[in-house]
Each structure stands twice: as C-alpha cells, then as structure tokens.
All heavy atoms as atom14 arrays in JSON, in Angstrom:
{
  "sequence": "GTTINGGDEPIQPFVPVPLRDGDRVHVGAWT",
  "atom14_mask": [
    [1, 1, 1, 1, 0, 0, 0, 0, 0, 0, 0, 0, 0, 0],
    [1, 1, 1, 1, 1, 1, 1, 0, 0, 0, 0, 0, 0, 0],
    [1, 1, 1, 1, 1, 1, 1, 0, 0, 0, 0, 0, 0, 0],
    [1, 1, 1, 1, 1, 1, 1, 1, 0, 0, 0, 0, 0, 0],
    [1, 1, 1, 1, 1, 1, 1, 1, 0, 0, 0, 0, 0, 0],
    [1, 1, 1, 1, 0, 0, 0, 0, 0, 0, 0, 0, 0, 0],
    [1, 1, 1, 1, 0, 0, 0, 0, 0, 0, 0, 0, 0, 0],
    [1, 1, 1, 1, 1, 1, 1, 1, 0, 0, 0, 0, 0, 0],
    [1, 1, 1, 1, 1, 1, 1, 1, 1, 0, 0, 0, 0, 0],
    [1, 1, 1, 1, 1, 1, 1, 0, 0, 0, 0, 0, 0, 0],
    [1, 1, 1, 1, 1, 1, 1, 1, 0, 0, 0, 0, 0, 0],
    [1, 1, 1, 1, 1, 1, 1, 1, 1, 0, 0, 0, 0, 0],
    [1, 1, 1, 1, 1, 1, 1, 0, 0, 0, 0, 0, 0, 0],
    [1, 1, 1, 1, 1, 1, 1, 1, 1, 1, 1, 0, 0, 0],
    [1, 1, 1, 1, 1, 1, 1, 0, 0, 0, 0, 0, 0, 0],
    [1, 1, 1, 1, 1, 1, 1, 0, 0, 0, 0, 0, 0, 0],
    [1, 1, 1, 1, 1, 1, 1, 0, 0, 0, 0, 0, 0, 0],
    [1, 1, 1, 1, 1, 1, 1, 0, 0, 0, 0, 0, 0, 0],
    [1, 1, 1, 1, 1, 1, 1, 1, 0, 0, 0, 0, 0, 0],
    [1, 1, 1, 1, 1, 1, 1, 1, 1, 1, 1, 0, 0, 0],
    [1, 1, 1, 1, 1, 1, 1, 1, 0, 0, 0, 0, 0, 0],
    [1, 1, 1, 1, 0, 0, 0, 0, 0, 0, 0, 0, 0, 0],
    [1, 1, 1, 1, 1, 1, 1, 1, 0, 0, 0, 0, 0, 0],
    [1, 1, 1, 1, 1, 1, 1, 1, 1, 1, 1, 0, 0, 0],
    [1, 1, 1, 1, 1, 1, 1, 0, 0, 0, 0, 0, 0, 0],
    [1, 1, 1, 1, 1, 1, 1, 1, 1, 1, 0, 0, 0, 0],
    [1, 1, 1, 1, 1, 1, 1, 0, 0, 0, 0, 0, 0, 0],
    [1, 1, 1, 1, 0, 0, 0, 0, 0, 0, 0, 0, 0, 0],
    [1, 1, 1, 1, 1, 0, 0, 0, 0, 0, 0, 0, 0, 0],
    [1, 1, 1, 1, 1, 1, 1, 1, 1, 1, 1, 1, 1, 1],
    [1, 1, 1, 1, 1, 1, 1, 0, 0, 0, 0, 0, 0, 0]
  ],
  "atom14_positions": [
    [[-78.61, -33.38, -63.87], [-78.8, -32.68, -65.13], [-80.08, -33.04, -65.86], [-80.83, -33.93, -65.47], [0.0, 0.0, 0.0], [0.0, 0.0, 0.0], [0.0, 0.0, 0.0], [0.0, 0.0, 0.0], [0.0, 0.0, 0.0], [0.0, 0.0, 0.0], [0.0, 0.0, 0.0], [0.0, 0.0, 0.0], [0.0, 0.0, 0.0], [0.0, 0.0, 0.0]],
    [[-80.31, -32.3, -66.93], [-81.47, -32.46, -67.8], [-80.95, -32.49, -69.22], [-80.13, -31.65, -69.59], [-82.43, -31.26, -67.63], [-82.85, -31.21, -66.25], [-83.63, -31.37, -68.53], [0.0, 0.0, 0.0], [0.0, 0.0, 0.0], [0.0, 0.0, 0.0], [0.0, 0.0, 0.0], [0.0, 0.0, 0.0], [0.0, 0.0, 0.0], [0.0, 0.0, 0.0]],
    [[-81.41, -33.46, -70.0], [-81.02, -33.52, -71.4], [-82.26, -33.48, -72.28], [-83.38, -33.73, -71.82], [-80.2, -34.79, -71.72], [-80.99, -35.95, -71.45], [-78.91, -34.84, -70.91], [0.0, 0.0, 0.0], [0.0, 0.0, 0.0], [0.0, 0.0, 0.0], [0.0, 0.0, 0.0], [0.0, 0.0, 0.0], [0.0, 0.0, 0.0], [0.0, 0.0, 0.0]],
    [[-82.04, -33.15, -73.54], [-83.13, -33.05, -74.51], [-82.89, -34.06, -75.63], [-81.77, -34.15, -76.16], [-83.19, -31.62, -75.13], [-83.2, -30.54, -74.05], [-84.38, -31.49, -76.08], [-84.41, -30.52, -73.18], [0.0, 0.0, 0.0], [0.0, 0.0, 0.0], [0.0, 0.0, 0.0], [0.0, 0.0, 0.0], [0.0, 0.0, 0.0], [0.0, 0.0, 0.0]],
    [[-83.93, -34.8, -75.97], [-83.91, -35.74, -77.1], [-82.73, -36.7, -77.09], [-82.13, -36.98, -78.12], [-83.95, -34.96, -78.43], [-85.26, -34.21, -78.58], [-86.3, -34.65, -78.13], [-85.19, -33.03, -79.19], [0.0, 0.0, 0.0], [0.0, 0.0, 0.0], [0.0, 0.0, 0.0], [0.0, 0.0, 0.0], [0.0, 0.0, 0.0], [0.0, 0.0, 0.0]],
    [[-82.38, -37.18, -75.91], [-81.32, -38.18, -75.8], [-79.92, -37.63, -75.92], [-78.97, -38.39, -76.12], [0.0, 0.0, 0.0], [0.0, 0.0, 0.0], [0.0, 0.0, 0.0], [0.0, 0.0, 0.0], [0.0, 0.0, 0.0], [0.0, 0.0, 0.0], [0.0, 0.0, 0.0], [0.0, 0.0, 0.0], [0.0, 0.0, 0.0], [0.0, 0.0, 0.0]],
    [[-79.76, -36.32, -75.82], [-78.43, -35.71, -75.92], [-77.49, -36.24, -74.85], [-77.9, -36.65, -73.77], [0.0, 0.0, 0.0], [0.0, 0.0, 0.0], [0.0, 0.0, 0.0], [0.0, 0.0, 0.0], [0.0, 0.0, 0.0], [0.0, 0.0, 0.0], [0.0, 0.0, 0.0], [0.0, 0.0, 0.0], [0.0, 0.0, 0.0], [0.0, 0.0, 0.0]],
    [[-76.21, -36.24, -75.18], [-75.19, -36.74, -74.24], [-74.86, -35.74, -73.15], [-74.55, -36.13, -72.03], [-73.9, -37.08, -74.99], [-74.05, -38.3, -75.87], [-74.86, -39.19, -75.52], [-73.38, -38.35, -76.92], [0.0, 0.0, 0.0], [0.0, 0.0, 0.0], [0.0, 0.0, 0.0], [0.0, 0.0, 0.0], [0.0, 0.0, 0.0], [0.0, 0.0, 0.0]],
    [[-74.93, -34.46, -73.46], [-74.55, -33.42, -72.5], [-75.79, -32.74, -71.93], [-76.71, -32.37, -72.67], [-73.66, -32.38, -73.16], [-72.3, -32.92, -73.56], [-71.5, -33.42, -72.36], [-71.49, -32.73, -71.31], [-70.91, -34.5, -72.48], [0.0, 0.0, 0.0], [0.0, 0.0, 0.0], [0.0, 0.0, 0.0], [0.0, 0.0, 0.0], [0.0, 0.0, 0.0]],
    [[-75.82, -32.55, -70.61], [-76.95, -31.84, -69.99], [-77.0, -30.38, -70.46], [-75.98, -29.79, -70.8], [-76.66, -31.9, -68.5], [-75.58, -32.9, -68.33], [-74.85, -33.01, -69.63], [0.0, 0.0, 0.0], [0.0, 0.0, 0.0], [0.0, 0.0, 0.0], [0.0, 0.0, 0.0], [0.0, 0.0, 0.0], [0.0, 0.0, 0.0], [0.0, 0.0, 0.0]],
    [[-78.2, -29.82, -70.42], [-78.35, -28.4, -70.74], [-77.76, -27.59, -69.6], [-77.61, -28.06, -68.48], [-79.82, -28.02, -71.0], [-80.68, -28.26, -69.75], [-80.36, -28.8, -72.2], [-82.12, -27.77, -69.89], [0.0, 0.0, 0.0], [0.0, 0.0, 0.0], [0.0, 0.0, 0.0], [0.0, 0.0, 0.0], [0.0, 0.0, 0.0], [0.0, 0.0, 0.0]],
    [[-77.42, -26.34, -69.88], [-76.84, -25.46, -68.86], [-77.9, -25.08, -67.84], [-79.05, -24.77, -68.21], [-76.3, -24.2, -69.51], [-75.0, -24.43, -70.22], [-74.12, -23.2, -70.05], [-74.5, -22.12, -70.4], [-72.95, -23.41, -69.5], [0.0, 0.0, 0.0], [0.0, 0.0, 0.0], [0.0, 0.0, 0.0], [0.0, 0.0, 0.0], [0.0, 0.0, 0.0]],
    [[-77.55, -25.07, -66.55], [-78.51, -24.65, -65.53], [-78.97, -23.21, -65.74], [-78.19, -22.36, -66.17], [-77.72, -24.78, -64.22], [-76.63, -25.74, -64.52], [-76.29, -25.53, -65.97], [0.0, 0.0, 0.0], [0.0, 0.0, 0.0], [0.0, 0.0, 0.0], [0.0, 0.0, 0.0], [0.0, 0.0, 0.0], [0.0, 0.0, 0.0], [0.0, 0.0, 0.0]],
    [[-80.23, -22.98, -65.47], [-80.86, -21.65, -65.46], [-80.94, -20.99, -66.83], [-81.22, -19.8, -66.92], [-80.18, -20.72, -64.44], [-80.07, -21.32, -63.07], [-78.84, -21.59, -62.5], [-81.22, -21.64, -62.34], [-78.73, -22.17, -61.23], [-81.13, -22.2, -61.08], [-79.89, -22.46, -60.52], [0.0, 0.0, 0.0], [0.0, 0.0, 0.0], [0.0, 0.0, 0.0]],
    [[-80.7, -21.73, -67.91], [-80.8, -21.2, -69.27], [-81.99, -21.85, -69.96], [-81.99, -23.06, -70.17], [-79.5, -21.47, -70.08], [-79.65, -20.97, -71.5], [-78.3, -20.84, -69.39], [0.0, 0.0, 0.0], [0.0, 0.0, 0.0], [0.0, 0.0, 0.0], [0.0, 0.0, 0.0], [0.0, 0.0, 0.0], [0.0, 0.0, 0.0], [0.0, 0.0, 0.0]],
    [[-83.03, -21.08, -70.31], [-84.21, -21.66, -70.96], [-83.84, -22.24, -72.33], [-83.15, -21.61, -73.12], [-85.16, -20.48, -71.13], [-84.67, -19.42, -70.21], [-83.19, -19.64, -70.06], [0.0, 0.0, 0.0], [0.0, 0.0, 0.0], [0.0, 0.0, 0.0], [0.0, 0.0, 0.0], [0.0, 0.0, 0.0], [0.0, 0.0, 0.0], [0.0, 0.0, 0.0]],
    [[-84.3, -23.48, -72.57], [-84.1, -24.14, -73.86], [-85.48, -24.35, -74.48], [-86.29, -25.11, -73.94], [-83.37, -25.49, -73.68], [-83.26, -26.22, -75.02], [-82.0, -25.28, -73.05], [0.0, 0.0, 0.0], [0.0, 0.0, 0.0], [0.0, 0.0, 0.0], [0.0, 0.0, 0.0], [0.0, 0.0, 0.0], [0.0, 0.0, 0.0], [0.0, 0.0, 0.0]],
    [[-85.77, -23.66, -75.6], [-87.09, -23.8, -76.23], [-87.35, -25.24, -76.67], [-86.43, -25.95, -77.11], [-87.02, -22.87, -77.44], [-85.89, -21.94, -77.15], [-84.92, -22.71, -76.29], [0.0, 0.0, 0.0], [0.0, 0.0, 0.0], [0.0, 0.0, 0.0], [0.0, 0.0, 0.0], [0.0, 0.0, 0.0], [0.0, 0.0, 0.0], [0.0, 0.0, 0.0]],
    [[-88.6, -25.66, -76.54], [-89.01, -27.01, -76.9], [-89.97, -26.98, -78.07], [-90.79, -26.07, -78.18], [-89.68, -27.69, -75.71], [-88.82, -27.86, -74.46], [-89.67, -28.31, -73.28], [-87.69, -28.84, -74.72], [0.0, 0.0, 0.0], [0.0, 0.0, 0.0], [0.0, 0.0, 0.0], [0.0, 0.0, 0.0], [0.0, 0.0, 0.0], [0.0, 0.0, 0.0]],
    [[-89.86, -28.0, -78.92], [-90.79, -28.16, -80.04], [-91.72, -29.32, -79.74], [-91.42, -30.17, -78.88], [-90.02, -28.44, -81.33], [-89.12, -27.29, -81.75], [-88.32, -27.7, -82.95], [-87.65, -28.96, -82.61], [-86.46, -29.32, -83.02], [-85.79, -28.57, -83.83], [-85.93, -30.46, -82.65], [0.0, 0.0, 0.0], [0.0, 0.0, 0.0], [0.0, 0.0, 0.0]],
    [[-92.81, -29.4, -80.46], [-93.75, -30.49, -80.31], [-93.01, -31.82, -80.51], [-92.28, -31.99, -81.48], [-94.87, -30.35, -81.35], [-95.96, -31.39, -81.16], [-96.39, -31.59, -80.01], [-96.37, -32.0, -82.16], [0.0, 0.0, 0.0], [0.0, 0.0, 0.0], [0.0, 0.0, 0.0], [0.0, 0.0, 0.0], [0.0, 0.0, 0.0], [0.0, 0.0, 0.0]],
    [[-93.16, -32.72, -79.55], [-92.53, -34.03, -79.63], [-91.17, -34.12, -78.99], [-90.61, -35.21, -78.87], [0.0, 0.0, 0.0], [0.0, 0.0, 0.0], [0.0, 0.0, 0.0], [0.0, 0.0, 0.0], [0.0, 0.0, 0.0], [0.0, 0.0, 0.0], [0.0, 0.0, 0.0], [0.0, 0.0, 0.0], [0.0, 0.0, 0.0], [0.0, 0.0, 0.0]],
    [[-90.59, -32.98, -78.54], [-89.29, -33.04, -77.87], [-89.4, -33.86, -76.59], [-90.42, -33.83, -75.9], [-88.78, -31.64, -77.53], [-88.07, -30.97, -78.7], [-87.8, -31.64, -79.72], [-87.77, -29.77, -78.58], [0.0, 0.0, 0.0], [0.0, 0.0, 0.0], [0.0, 0.0, 0.0], [0.0, 0.0, 0.0], [0.0, 0.0, 0.0], [0.0, 0.0, 0.0]],
    [[-88.33, -34.58, -76.27], [-88.27, -35.41, -75.08], [-87.28, -34.81, -74.09], [-86.1, -34.63, -74.42], [-87.87, -36.84, -75.46], [-88.89, -37.51, -76.36], [-88.43, -38.86, -76.91], [-87.01, -39.04, -77.14], [-86.35, -38.63, -78.23], [-86.98, -38.0, -79.18], [-85.06, -38.86, -78.35], [0.0, 0.0, 0.0], [0.0, 0.0, 0.0], [0.0, 0.0, 0.0]],
    [[-87.77, -34.52, -72.89], [-86.95, -33.96, -71.81], [-86.63, -35.11, -70.87], [-87.52, -35.75, -70.32], [-87.71, -32.84, -71.07], [-86.88, -32.29, -69.91], [-88.12, -31.73, -72.04], [0.0, 0.0, 0.0], [0.0, 0.0, 0.0], [0.0, 0.0, 0.0], [0.0, 0.0, 0.0], [0.0, 0.0, 0.0], [0.0, 0.0, 0.0], [0.0, 0.0, 0.0]],
    [[-85.33, -35.38, -70.68], [-84.89, -36.49, -69.84], [-84.38, -35.94, -68.51], [-83.48, -35.1, -68.49], [-83.77, -37.28, -70.53], [-84.17, -37.75, -71.9], [-84.93, -38.86, -72.12], [-83.91, -37.23, -73.12], [-85.13, -39.02, -73.42], [-84.52, -38.03, -74.05], [0.0, 0.0, 0.0], [0.0, 0.0, 0.0], [0.0, 0.0, 0.0], [0.0, 0.0, 0.0]],
    [[-84.96, -36.44, -67.42], [-84.55, -36.06, -66.07], [-84.36, -37.33, -65.26], [-85.0, -38.36, -65.52], [-85.57, -35.13, -65.38], [-85.72, -33.82, -66.12], [-86.93, -35.8, -65.24], [0.0, 0.0, 0.0], [0.0, 0.0, 0.0], [0.0, 0.0, 0.0], [0.0, 0.0, 0.0], [0.0, 0.0, 0.0], [0.0, 0.0, 0.0], [0.0, 0.0, 0.0]],
    [[-83.48, -37.28, -64.28], [-83.29, -38.43, -63.41], [-82.67, -39.61, -64.12], [-81.99, -39.48, -65.12], [0.0, 0.0, 0.0], [0.0, 0.0, 0.0], [0.0, 0.0, 0.0], [0.0, 0.0, 0.0], [0.0, 0.0, 0.0], [0.0, 0.0, 0.0], [0.0, 0.0, 0.0], [0.0, 0.0, 0.0], [0.0, 0.0, 0.0], [0.0, 0.0, 0.0]],
    [[-82.92, -40.8, -63.56], [-82.33, -42.02, -64.09], [-83.1, -42.57, -65.27], [-82.51, -43.13, -66.18], [-82.24, -43.07, -62.99], [0.0, 0.0, 0.0], [0.0, 0.0, 0.0], [0.0, 0.0, 0.0], [0.0, 0.0, 0.0], [0.0, 0.0, 0.0], [0.0, 0.0, 0.0], [0.0, 0.0, 0.0], [0.0, 0.0, 0.0], [0.0, 0.0, 0.0]],
    [[-84.44, -42.4, -65.27], [-85.2, -43.04, -66.35], [-86.41, -42.24, -66.81], [-87.14, -42.68, -67.69], [-85.67, -44.43, -65.93], [-86.5, -44.43, -64.67], [-87.79, -43.98, -64.52], [-86.1, -44.92, -63.41], [-88.2, -44.15, -63.23], [-87.19, -44.73, -62.52], [-84.94, -45.51, -62.92], [-87.14, -45.11, -61.18], [-84.9, -45.88, -61.59], [-85.99, -45.67, -60.73]],
    [[-86.64, -41.09, -66.27], [-87.87, -40.36, -66.6], [-87.7, -39.54, -67.88], [-86.74, -38.79, -68.03], [-88.26, -39.42, -65.43], [-88.45, -40.23, -64.26], [-89.52, -38.66, -65.76], [0.0, 0.0, 0.0], [0.0, 0.0, 0.0], [0.0, 0.0, 0.0], [0.0, 0.0, 0.0], [0.0, 0.0, 0.0], [0.0, 0.0, 0.0], [0.0, 0.0, 0.0]]
  ]
}
C-alpha cells in the first residue's frame, strides 16, 4: 500500500489522490 502524511490506512488502488506542497507519500517499509 501507499499512505499519505502518515495515515494509518492505505489509499485505494487506482484512485488518484491530489497532493499539496509538502505532502508526504509513504511507500514500502521506510521510504
């Protein structure tokens, strides 16, 4: 999964989530 800004739940697959300046996209174990 992929989370935004430290969220607990991953975003839904294949659904674009708009990003703002400074947003943090979390992928993998530590990236």
